[in-house]
Amino acid sequence: MTKQYEAGEVLTGKVTGIQPYGAFVALDDETQGLVHISEITYGYVKDVHDFLSVGQEVQVKVMEVDEAAGKISLSIRALQERPPVMRKEVPKKSLQARVQERDAEGFNSLKDKLQDWIRQSGQ
């Protein structure tokens, strides 16, 4: 690495290669880093090619620099706005309410049969 990069820097780079695990991005003529597949965007990424192509210019954030190994971890996702969580709001029930609900469903037939069993045993 000729230039020193620091975690937190935002840079523009060019995608130089795509692998199943992520994309390599050139930061200068001699330095490139890896955008891991999990750092491309929010949500599930099945195929990196669906989001990036070789030669494409991208803005990246430096996440980690390992000078000893000569590796730079990059993220595109870190520069995106986090999408709102789209999950259905379900009112929470207390533990006691859930137990009573299950008791009502699961033990009715047993409760009914118990009376029959008691009657049969007395005959």
N, C-alpha and C. Protein backbone atom coordinates (compact mmCIF):
# COMPACT_ATOMS: atom_id res chain seq x y z
N MET A 1 0.85 -1.18 0.00
CA MET A 1 0.00 0.00 0.00
C MET A 1 0.89 1.24 0.00
N THR A 2 0.73 2.05 -1.01
CA THR A 2 1.52 3.27 -1.07
C THR A 2 0.89 4.37 -0.22
N LYS A 3 -0.41 4.53 -0.32
CA LYS A 3 -1.12 5.53 0.48
C LYS A 3 -1.64 4.86 1.74
N GLN A 4 -1.67 5.59 2.82
CA GLN A 4 -2.20 5.05 4.07
C GLN A 4 -3.70 5.33 4.13
N TYR A 5 -4.48 4.30 4.29
CA TYR A 5 -5.94 4.43 4.42
C TYR A 5 -6.30 4.19 5.88
N GLU A 6 -7.35 4.88 6.32
CA GLU A 6 -7.78 4.74 7.70
C GLU A 6 -9.25 4.35 7.77
N ALA A 7 -9.60 3.58 8.79
CA ALA A 7 -11.00 3.18 9.00
C ALA A 7 -11.85 4.44 9.15
N GLY A 8 -13.00 4.43 8.48
CA GLY A 8 -13.91 5.56 8.53
C GLY A 8 -13.84 6.45 7.31
N GLU A 9 -12.77 6.35 6.53
CA GLU A 9 -12.65 7.17 5.32
C GLU A 9 -13.70 6.76 4.30
N VAL A 10 -14.22 7.73 3.57
CA VAL A 10 -15.15 7.47 2.47
C VAL A 10 -14.42 7.82 1.18
N LEU A 11 -14.37 6.84 0.28
CA LEU A 11 -13.60 6.98 -0.96
C LEU A 11 -14.43 6.56 -2.16
N THR A 12 -13.96 6.94 -3.33
CA THR A 12 -14.56 6.45 -4.57
C THR A 12 -13.56 5.49 -5.19
N GLY A 13 -14.04 4.32 -5.59
CA GLY A 13 -13.17 3.33 -6.19
C GLY A 13 -13.85 2.69 -7.38
N LYS A 14 -13.11 1.81 -8.04
CA LYS A 14 -13.64 1.14 -9.23
C LYS A 14 -13.60 -0.37 -9.01
N VAL A 15 -14.73 -1.04 -9.28
CA VAL A 15 -14.83 -2.49 -9.14
C VAL A 15 -13.90 -3.14 -10.16
N THR A 16 -12.96 -3.96 -9.65
CA THR A 16 -11.99 -4.61 -10.53
C THR A 16 -12.25 -6.11 -10.69
N GLY A 17 -13.00 -6.67 -9.77
CA GLY A 17 -13.28 -8.10 -9.86
C GLY A 17 -14.43 -8.48 -8.95
N ILE A 18 -15.14 -9.52 -9.36
CA ILE A 18 -16.28 -10.00 -8.58
C ILE A 18 -16.11 -11.49 -8.33
N GLN A 19 -16.29 -11.87 -7.08
CA GLN A 19 -16.22 -13.26 -6.66
C GLN A 19 -17.53 -13.60 -5.95
N PRO A 20 -17.82 -14.87 -5.71
CA PRO A 20 -19.07 -15.22 -5.01
C PRO A 20 -19.16 -14.61 -3.61
N TYR A 21 -18.03 -14.30 -2.99
CA TYR A 21 -17.99 -13.79 -1.63
C TYR A 21 -17.92 -12.26 -1.55
N GLY A 22 -17.79 -11.57 -2.69
CA GLY A 22 -17.72 -10.11 -2.64
C GLY A 22 -17.10 -9.53 -3.89
N ALA A 23 -16.73 -8.24 -3.80
CA ALA A 23 -16.15 -7.53 -4.95
C ALA A 23 -14.87 -6.82 -4.53
N PHE A 24 -13.89 -6.86 -5.42
CA PHE A 24 -12.64 -6.14 -5.20
C PHE A 24 -12.78 -4.76 -5.82
N VAL A 25 -12.35 -3.75 -5.07
CA VAL A 25 -12.47 -2.36 -5.50
C VAL A 25 -11.09 -1.71 -5.45
N ALA A 26 -10.67 -1.13 -6.58
CA ALA A 26 -9.39 -0.42 -6.64
C ALA A 26 -9.58 0.96 -6.03
N LEU A 27 -8.74 1.28 -5.05
CA LEU A 27 -8.78 2.59 -4.40
C LEU A 27 -7.79 3.55 -5.02
N ASP A 28 -6.71 3.01 -5.57
CA ASP A 28 -5.72 3.78 -6.34
C ASP A 28 -5.05 2.78 -7.29
N ASP A 29 -3.99 3.22 -7.96
CA ASP A 29 -3.34 2.35 -8.96
C ASP A 29 -2.71 1.09 -8.36
N GLU A 30 -2.39 1.13 -7.05
CA GLU A 30 -1.70 -0.01 -6.45
C GLU A 30 -2.47 -0.68 -5.31
N THR A 31 -3.59 -0.10 -4.91
CA THR A 31 -4.28 -0.60 -3.73
C THR A 31 -5.72 -0.95 -4.05
N GLN A 32 -6.11 -2.12 -3.60
CA GLN A 32 -7.52 -2.50 -3.70
C GLN A 32 -7.98 -3.13 -2.39
N GLY A 33 -9.28 -3.05 -2.18
CA GLY A 33 -9.87 -3.63 -0.98
C GLY A 33 -11.02 -4.52 -1.37
N LEU A 34 -11.58 -5.18 -0.38
CA LEU A 34 -12.69 -6.11 -0.63
C LEU A 34 -13.96 -5.61 0.04
N VAL A 35 -15.03 -5.58 -0.74
CA VAL A 35 -16.36 -5.35 -0.19
C VAL A 35 -16.97 -6.75 -0.06
N HIS A 36 -17.07 -7.23 1.17
CA HIS A 36 -17.65 -8.55 1.40
C HIS A 36 -19.12 -8.53 0.98
N ILE A 37 -19.65 -9.66 0.55
CA ILE A 37 -21.03 -9.75 0.07
C ILE A 37 -22.03 -9.19 1.10
N SER A 38 -21.73 -9.34 2.38
CA SER A 38 -22.63 -8.85 3.42
C SER A 38 -22.58 -7.34 3.56
N GLU A 39 -21.59 -6.69 2.94
CA GLU A 39 -21.42 -5.24 3.04
C GLU A 39 -21.83 -4.51 1.76
N ILE A 40 -22.50 -5.22 0.84
CA ILE A 40 -22.92 -4.59 -0.41
C ILE A 40 -24.18 -3.76 -0.22
N THR A 41 -25.17 -4.32 0.45
CA THR A 41 -26.42 -3.61 0.70
C THR A 41 -27.14 -4.27 1.86
N TYR A 42 -28.18 -3.61 2.35
CA TYR A 42 -29.01 -4.22 3.39
C TYR A 42 -29.84 -5.32 2.76
N GLY A 43 -30.13 -6.34 3.52
CA GLY A 43 -30.93 -7.45 3.01
C GLY A 43 -30.03 -8.54 2.47
N TYR A 44 -30.66 -9.51 1.84
CA TYR A 44 -29.96 -10.70 1.35
C TYR A 44 -29.41 -10.46 -0.05
N VAL A 45 -28.15 -10.77 -0.26
CA VAL A 45 -27.52 -10.69 -1.57
C VAL A 45 -27.16 -12.10 -1.99
N LYS A 46 -27.85 -12.60 -2.99
CA LYS A 46 -27.57 -13.95 -3.48
C LYS A 46 -26.40 -13.93 -4.46
N ASP A 47 -26.43 -12.94 -5.35
CA ASP A 47 -25.41 -12.85 -6.39
C ASP A 47 -24.89 -11.42 -6.45
N VAL A 48 -23.59 -11.25 -6.27
CA VAL A 48 -22.96 -9.93 -6.29
C VAL A 48 -23.22 -9.22 -7.62
N HIS A 49 -23.28 -9.99 -8.71
CA HIS A 49 -23.50 -9.42 -10.04
C HIS A 49 -24.84 -8.69 -10.14
N ASP A 50 -25.79 -8.99 -9.27
CA ASP A 50 -27.08 -8.30 -9.28
C ASP A 50 -26.94 -6.85 -8.82
N PHE A 51 -25.83 -6.52 -8.16
CA PHE A 51 -25.65 -5.19 -7.58
C PHE A 51 -24.45 -4.44 -8.15
N LEU A 52 -23.43 -5.17 -8.56
CA LEU A 52 -22.19 -4.53 -9.02
C LEU A 52 -21.71 -5.16 -10.32
N SER A 53 -20.92 -4.37 -11.07
CA SER A 53 -20.31 -4.91 -12.29
C SER A 53 -18.87 -4.37 -12.38
N VAL A 54 -18.02 -5.13 -13.03
CA VAL A 54 -16.62 -4.74 -13.19
C VAL A 54 -16.57 -3.43 -13.97
N GLY A 55 -15.76 -2.51 -13.47
CA GLY A 55 -15.62 -1.20 -14.10
C GLY A 55 -16.51 -0.13 -13.49
N GLN A 56 -17.47 -0.54 -12.70
CA GLN A 56 -18.40 0.40 -12.06
C GLN A 56 -17.68 1.19 -10.97
N GLU A 57 -17.95 2.50 -10.93
CA GLU A 57 -17.41 3.33 -9.85
C GLU A 57 -18.38 3.29 -8.68
N VAL A 58 -17.82 3.10 -7.48
CA VAL A 58 -18.66 3.01 -6.29
C VAL A 58 -18.04 3.82 -5.16
N GLN A 59 -18.91 4.31 -4.30
CA GLN A 59 -18.43 4.97 -3.08
C GLN A 59 -18.36 3.91 -2.00
N VAL A 60 -17.25 3.87 -1.28
CA VAL A 60 -17.05 2.87 -0.23
C VAL A 60 -16.56 3.54 1.03
N LYS A 61 -16.80 2.87 2.13
CA LYS A 61 -16.28 3.32 3.42
C LYS A 61 -15.25 2.28 3.88
N VAL A 62 -14.10 2.76 4.33
CA VAL A 62 -13.06 1.86 4.84
C VAL A 62 -13.50 1.39 6.22
N MET A 63 -13.66 0.09 6.38
CA MET A 63 -14.10 -0.48 7.65
C MET A 63 -12.91 -0.90 8.51
N GLU A 64 -11.90 -1.49 7.87
CA GLU A 64 -10.74 -1.99 8.62
C GLU A 64 -9.53 -2.05 7.69
N VAL A 65 -8.37 -1.73 8.25
CA VAL A 65 -7.12 -1.81 7.49
C VAL A 65 -6.18 -2.74 8.25
N ASP A 66 -5.77 -3.81 7.58
CA ASP A 66 -4.80 -4.74 8.17
C ASP A 66 -3.51 -4.58 7.39
N GLU A 67 -2.65 -3.68 7.87
CA GLU A 67 -1.41 -3.38 7.14
C GLU A 67 -0.48 -4.59 7.08
N ALA A 68 -0.44 -5.37 8.13
CA ALA A 68 0.44 -6.54 8.15
C ALA A 68 0.09 -7.52 7.04
N ALA A 69 -1.22 -7.73 6.84
CA ALA A 69 -1.67 -8.65 5.79
C ALA A 69 -1.88 -7.94 4.46
N GLY A 70 -1.87 -6.61 4.48
CA GLY A 70 -2.09 -5.84 3.26
C GLY A 70 -3.52 -5.90 2.78
N LYS A 71 -4.47 -5.98 3.72
CA LYS A 71 -5.88 -6.11 3.36
C LYS A 71 -6.68 -4.91 3.86
N ILE A 72 -7.64 -4.50 3.04
CA ILE A 72 -8.53 -3.41 3.41
C ILE A 72 -9.97 -3.91 3.24
N SER A 73 -10.74 -3.81 4.32
CA SER A 73 -12.15 -4.19 4.28
C SER A 73 -12.97 -2.95 3.99
N LEU A 74 -13.86 -3.06 3.00
CA LEU A 74 -14.68 -1.93 2.57
C LEU A 74 -16.15 -2.24 2.72
N SER A 75 -16.97 -1.18 2.72
CA SER A 75 -18.42 -1.35 2.80
C SER A 75 -19.11 -0.32 1.94
N ILE A 76 -20.09 -0.77 1.19
CA ILE A 76 -20.99 0.12 0.45
C ILE A 76 -22.22 0.34 1.32
N ARG A 77 -22.64 -0.70 2.00
CA ARG A 77 -23.83 -0.67 2.85
C ARG A 77 -23.73 0.40 3.94
N ALA A 78 -22.53 0.61 4.48
CA ALA A 78 -22.35 1.57 5.57
C ALA A 78 -22.69 3.00 5.14
N LEU A 79 -22.74 3.24 3.84
CA LEU A 79 -23.06 4.57 3.32
C LEU A 79 -24.53 4.70 2.93
N GLN A 80 -25.28 3.62 3.09
CA GLN A 80 -26.70 3.63 2.74
C GLN A 80 -27.54 3.87 3.99
N GLU A 81 -28.71 4.43 3.77
CA GLU A 81 -29.63 4.63 4.88
C GLU A 81 -30.26 3.27 5.21
N ARG A 82 -30.30 2.98 6.48
CA ARG A 82 -30.87 1.70 6.91
C ARG A 82 -32.38 1.70 6.64
N PRO A 83 -32.89 0.68 5.96
CA PRO A 83 -34.33 0.64 5.68
C PRO A 83 -35.13 0.39 6.95
N PRO A 84 -36.35 0.89 7.00
CA PRO A 84 -37.17 0.64 8.19
C PRO A 84 -37.50 -0.85 8.29
N VAL A 85 -37.62 -1.31 9.50
CA VAL A 85 -37.96 -2.71 9.73
C VAL A 85 -39.43 -2.89 9.37
N MET A 86 -39.68 -3.81 8.47
CA MET A 86 -41.04 -4.03 8.01
C MET A 86 -41.56 -5.34 8.60
N ARG A 87 -41.90 -5.28 9.86
CA ARG A 87 -42.45 -6.50 10.44
C ARG A 87 -43.80 -6.18 11.05
N LYS A 88 -44.61 -7.17 11.04
CA LYS A 88 -45.97 -7.03 11.52
C LYS A 88 -45.96 -6.85 13.04
N GLU A 89 -46.65 -5.83 13.48
CA GLU A 89 -46.75 -5.59 14.92
C GLU A 89 -47.77 -6.56 15.52
N VAL A 90 -47.32 -7.38 16.42
CA VAL A 90 -48.18 -8.34 17.09
C VAL A 90 -48.21 -7.96 18.56
N PRO A 91 -49.40 -7.73 19.10
CA PRO A 91 -49.45 -7.37 20.52
C PRO A 91 -48.88 -8.51 21.37
N LYS A 92 -48.06 -8.15 22.33
CA LYS A 92 -47.43 -9.16 23.18
C LYS A 92 -48.39 -9.56 24.30
N LYS A 93 -48.40 -10.86 24.58
CA LYS A 93 -49.23 -11.40 25.65
C LYS A 93 -48.32 -11.80 26.80
N SER A 94 -48.86 -11.73 27.98
CA SER A 94 -48.07 -12.16 29.13
C SER A 94 -47.90 -13.67 29.08
N LEU A 95 -46.94 -14.16 29.83
CA LEU A 95 -46.70 -15.60 29.89
C LEU A 95 -47.94 -16.31 30.41
N GLN A 96 -48.57 -15.75 31.44
CA GLN A 96 -49.77 -16.37 32.01
C GLN A 96 -50.89 -16.46 30.98
N ALA A 97 -51.06 -15.41 30.19
CA ALA A 97 -52.11 -15.41 29.16
C ALA A 97 -51.84 -16.48 28.12
N ARG A 98 -50.56 -16.66 27.74
CA ARG A 98 -50.23 -17.69 26.75
C ARG A 98 -50.44 -19.08 27.32
N VAL A 99 -50.10 -19.29 28.60
CA VAL A 99 -50.31 -20.61 29.23
C VAL A 99 -51.80 -20.93 29.29
N GLN A 100 -52.60 -19.96 29.72
CA GLN A 100 -54.04 -20.19 29.81
C GLN A 100 -54.63 -20.47 28.43
N GLU A 101 -54.13 -19.78 27.42
CA GLU A 101 -54.62 -19.99 26.06
C GLU A 101 -54.31 -21.41 25.60
N ARG A 102 -53.10 -21.87 25.87
CA ARG A 102 -52.71 -23.23 25.47
C ARG A 102 -53.45 -24.28 26.30
N ASP A 103 -53.62 -24.00 27.59
CA ASP A 103 -54.36 -24.94 28.44
C ASP A 103 -55.76 -25.12 27.91
N ALA A 104 -56.38 -24.04 27.51
CA ALA A 104 -57.75 -24.11 27.02
C ALA A 104 -57.83 -24.95 25.75
N GLU A 105 -56.81 -24.85 24.91
CA GLU A 105 -56.82 -25.59 23.65
C GLU A 105 -56.40 -27.05 23.85
N GLY A 106 -55.32 -27.26 24.60
CA GLY A 106 -54.69 -28.57 24.64
C GLY A 106 -55.26 -29.54 25.65
N PHE A 107 -55.90 -29.08 26.70
CA PHE A 107 -56.31 -30.00 27.74
C PHE A 107 -57.82 -30.19 27.84
N ASN A 108 -58.57 -29.58 26.98
CA ASN A 108 -60.02 -29.76 27.04
C ASN A 108 -60.41 -31.21 26.86
N SER A 109 -59.86 -31.85 25.86
CA SER A 109 -60.26 -33.24 25.61
C SER A 109 -59.82 -34.13 26.79
N LEU A 110 -58.68 -33.88 27.37
CA LEU A 110 -58.21 -34.65 28.51
C LEU A 110 -59.13 -34.44 29.72
N LYS A 111 -59.55 -33.18 29.93
CA LYS A 111 -60.45 -32.86 31.03
C LYS A 111 -61.78 -33.60 30.86
N ASP A 112 -62.29 -33.61 29.62
CA ASP A 112 -63.54 -34.32 29.35
C ASP A 112 -63.38 -35.83 29.57
N LYS A 113 -62.28 -36.39 29.10
CA LYS A 113 -62.07 -37.83 29.22
C LYS A 113 -61.83 -38.24 30.67
N LEU A 114 -61.22 -37.37 31.46
CA LEU A 114 -60.95 -37.69 32.85
C LEU A 114 -62.25 -38.05 33.58
N GLN A 115 -63.30 -37.28 33.35
CA GLN A 115 -64.59 -37.59 33.99
C GLN A 115 -65.08 -38.97 33.55
N ASP A 116 -64.92 -39.29 32.27
CA ASP A 116 -65.32 -40.61 31.77
C ASP A 116 -64.49 -41.70 32.43
N TRP A 117 -63.20 -41.48 32.57
CA TRP A 117 -62.32 -42.48 33.17
C TRP A 117 -62.67 -42.71 34.64
N ILE A 118 -62.99 -41.64 35.34
CA ILE A 118 -63.37 -41.77 36.76
C ILE A 118 -64.64 -42.59 36.86
N ARG A 119 -65.64 -42.30 36.00
CA ARG A 119 -66.89 -43.06 36.02
C ARG A 119 -66.63 -44.53 35.70
N GLN A 120 -65.79 -44.80 34.71
CA GLN A 120 -65.53 -46.17 34.31
C GLN A 120 -64.79 -46.95 35.39
N SER A 121 -63.90 -46.30 36.09
CA SER A 121 -63.14 -47.00 37.13
C SER A 121 -64.01 -47.37 38.33
N GLY A 122 -65.10 -46.60 38.55
CA GLY A 122 -65.98 -46.86 39.67
C GLY A 122 -66.96 -47.97 39.41
N GLN A 123 -67.14 -48.42 38.20
CA GLN A 123 -68.12 -49.45 37.87
C GLN A 123 -67.66 -50.82 38.17
